[in-house]
């Protein structure tokens, strides 16, 4: 059951991720878009919305991340964290309980962006 609050949060997350993806290139393909039950002990009580996209290639992805994406998001109030590994560059962004990560393959084979809204309590009326 999607609440109005979750629907609004999902729309905001989708817009942010789509705008970040557009900075990397024009052909982002959705990978996940839906509600996720987040409390296995009490199913259906806490939910969030997950959304993700993938771009198969992006020229200058590292430069775009450091010179365009990170500064723009930080200016908009998103906190950034470096979660990189030897296989990929990972930038995580968080704000008001929502977060998403930008993954850049070090071998140049694509960009993946996935995130989730903050948790929302689902109440039955």
Protein backbone atom coordinates (compact mmCIF):
# COMPACT_ATOMS: atom_id res chain seq x y z
CA UNK A 1 0.00 0.00 0.00
CA UNK A 2 1.66 3.21 -1.15
CA UNK A 3 0.89 6.26 0.94
CA UNK A 4 0.75 9.84 -0.32
CA UNK A 5 3.94 10.55 1.67
CA UNK A 6 5.81 7.66 0.05
CA UNK A 7 4.52 8.63 -3.38
CA UNK A 8 5.85 12.18 -2.91
CA UNK A 9 9.22 10.93 -1.63
CA UNK A 10 9.45 8.50 -4.55
CA UNK A 11 8.80 11.30 -7.05
CA UNK A 12 11.51 13.46 -5.48
CA UNK A 13 14.05 10.61 -5.45
CA UNK A 14 13.24 9.70 -9.04
CA UNK A 15 13.73 13.31 -10.17
CA UNK A 16 17.08 13.62 -8.39
CA UNK A 17 18.43 10.33 -9.74
CA UNK A 18 17.18 11.07 -13.27
CA UNK A 19 18.87 14.49 -13.22
CA UNK A 20 22.13 12.96 -11.99
CA UNK A 21 21.91 10.30 -14.70
CA UNK A 22 21.35 13.00 -17.35
CA UNK A 23 24.68 14.57 -16.37
CA UNK A 24 26.38 11.32 -17.40
CA UNK A 25 24.53 10.81 -20.66
CA UNK A 26 21.18 10.52 -22.41
CA UNK A 27 20.49 6.79 -22.29
CA UNK A 28 19.75 5.78 -18.70
CA UNK A 29 17.75 2.57 -18.39
CA UNK A 30 15.70 1.90 -15.24
CA UNK A 31 16.88 -1.07 -13.19
CA UNK A 32 14.57 -0.89 -10.17
CA UNK A 33 11.49 1.20 -9.41
CA UNK A 34 9.26 0.12 -6.57
CA UNK A 35 8.25 -0.18 -2.97
CA UNK A 36 10.41 -2.19 -0.57
CA UNK A 37 9.21 -3.65 2.73
CA UNK A 38 11.97 -2.76 5.18
CA UNK A 39 11.04 -4.50 8.45
CA UNK A 40 11.19 -8.30 8.23
CA UNK A 41 10.09 -8.61 11.88
CA UNK A 42 6.88 -6.66 11.17
CA UNK A 43 6.07 -6.94 7.45
CA UNK A 44 4.15 -4.05 5.94
CA UNK A 45 4.94 -1.59 8.75
CA UNK A 46 7.97 0.28 7.36
CA UNK A 47 8.49 0.80 3.65
CA UNK A 48 10.73 2.83 1.38
CA UNK A 49 10.89 3.39 -2.37
CA UNK A 50 13.87 2.19 -4.38
CA UNK A 51 14.82 3.59 -7.73
CA UNK A 52 17.83 2.94 -9.92
CA UNK A 53 19.16 3.44 -13.42
CA UNK A 54 22.14 2.28 -15.46
CA UNK A 55 24.07 3.85 -18.32
CA UNK A 56 26.15 1.50 -20.42
CA UNK A 57 28.80 4.07 -21.17
CA UNK A 58 29.58 7.60 -20.16
CA UNK A 59 32.49 9.55 -21.47
CA UNK A 60 34.43 11.35 -18.78
CA UNK A 61 32.32 9.85 -15.97
CA UNK A 62 34.92 10.56 -13.27
CA UNK A 63 35.17 14.19 -14.31
CA UNK A 64 31.38 14.56 -14.45
CA UNK A 65 31.07 13.08 -10.95
CA UNK A 66 33.70 15.31 -9.39
CA UNK A 67 33.09 18.54 -11.31
CA UNK A 68 29.33 18.51 -11.93
CA UNK A 69 27.39 15.98 -9.87
CA UNK A 70 29.08 16.23 -6.46
CA UNK A 71 29.16 20.07 -6.28
CA UNK A 72 25.57 20.41 -7.53
CA UNK A 73 24.20 17.92 -5.00
CA UNK A 74 26.22 19.34 -2.11
CA UNK A 75 24.88 22.79 -2.94
CA UNK A 76 21.36 21.32 -2.77
CA UNK A 77 22.00 19.97 0.73
CA UNK A 78 23.07 16.40 -0.02
CA UNK A 79 26.01 15.09 2.05
CA UNK A 80 28.53 13.09 0.04
CA UNK A 81 30.67 10.16 1.11
CA UNK A 82 33.39 8.31 -0.76
CA UNK A 83 32.77 4.56 -0.64
CA UNK A 84 35.13 3.62 -3.48
CA UNK A 85 36.76 0.21 -3.83
CA UNK A 86 39.52 -1.04 -6.07
CA UNK A 87 36.86 -2.15 -8.61
CA UNK A 88 34.66 0.93 -8.71
CA UNK A 89 34.32 4.55 -7.70
CA UNK A 90 31.31 4.89 -5.40
CA UNK A 91 29.92 8.23 -4.30
CA UNK A 92 27.10 8.04 -1.75
CA UNK A 93 24.73 10.96 -1.19
CA UNK A 94 22.37 11.35 1.79
CA UNK A 95 19.75 13.89 2.80
CA UNK A 96 16.86 13.69 5.27
CA UNK A 97 16.98 9.89 5.47
CA UNK A 98 17.08 9.34 1.71
CA UNK A 99 20.26 8.14 0.07
CA UNK A 100 21.61 7.00 -3.24
CA UNK A 101 24.92 5.89 -4.67
CA UNK A 102 26.63 6.55 -7.96
CA UNK A 103 28.79 3.61 -9.06
CA UNK A 104 31.41 4.10 -11.77
CA UNK A 105 33.18 0.98 -13.01
CA UNK A 106 36.94 1.56 -13.01
CA UNK A 107 37.17 -0.36 -16.30
CA UNK A 108 34.92 2.26 -17.94
CA UNK A 109 31.98 -0.06 -18.50
CA UNK A 110 29.13 2.00 -17.20
CA UNK A 111 27.46 4.03 -14.52
CA UNK A 112 24.85 2.71 -12.08
CA UNK A 113 22.81 4.91 -9.75
CA UNK A 114 20.52 3.42 -7.12
CA UNK A 115 18.86 4.83 -4.06
CA UNK A 116 16.00 4.73 -1.64
CA UNK A 117 13.74 7.14 0.17
CA UNK A 118 13.68 7.42 3.92
CA UNK A 119 11.55 4.86 5.74
CA UNK A 120 7.85 5.60 5.96
CA UNK A 121 5.50 4.06 8.50
CA UNK A 122 2.46 2.43 6.95
CA UNK A 123 -0.58 2.72 9.17
CA UNK A 124 -3.85 0.97 8.61
CA UNK A 125 -6.93 3.07 9.13
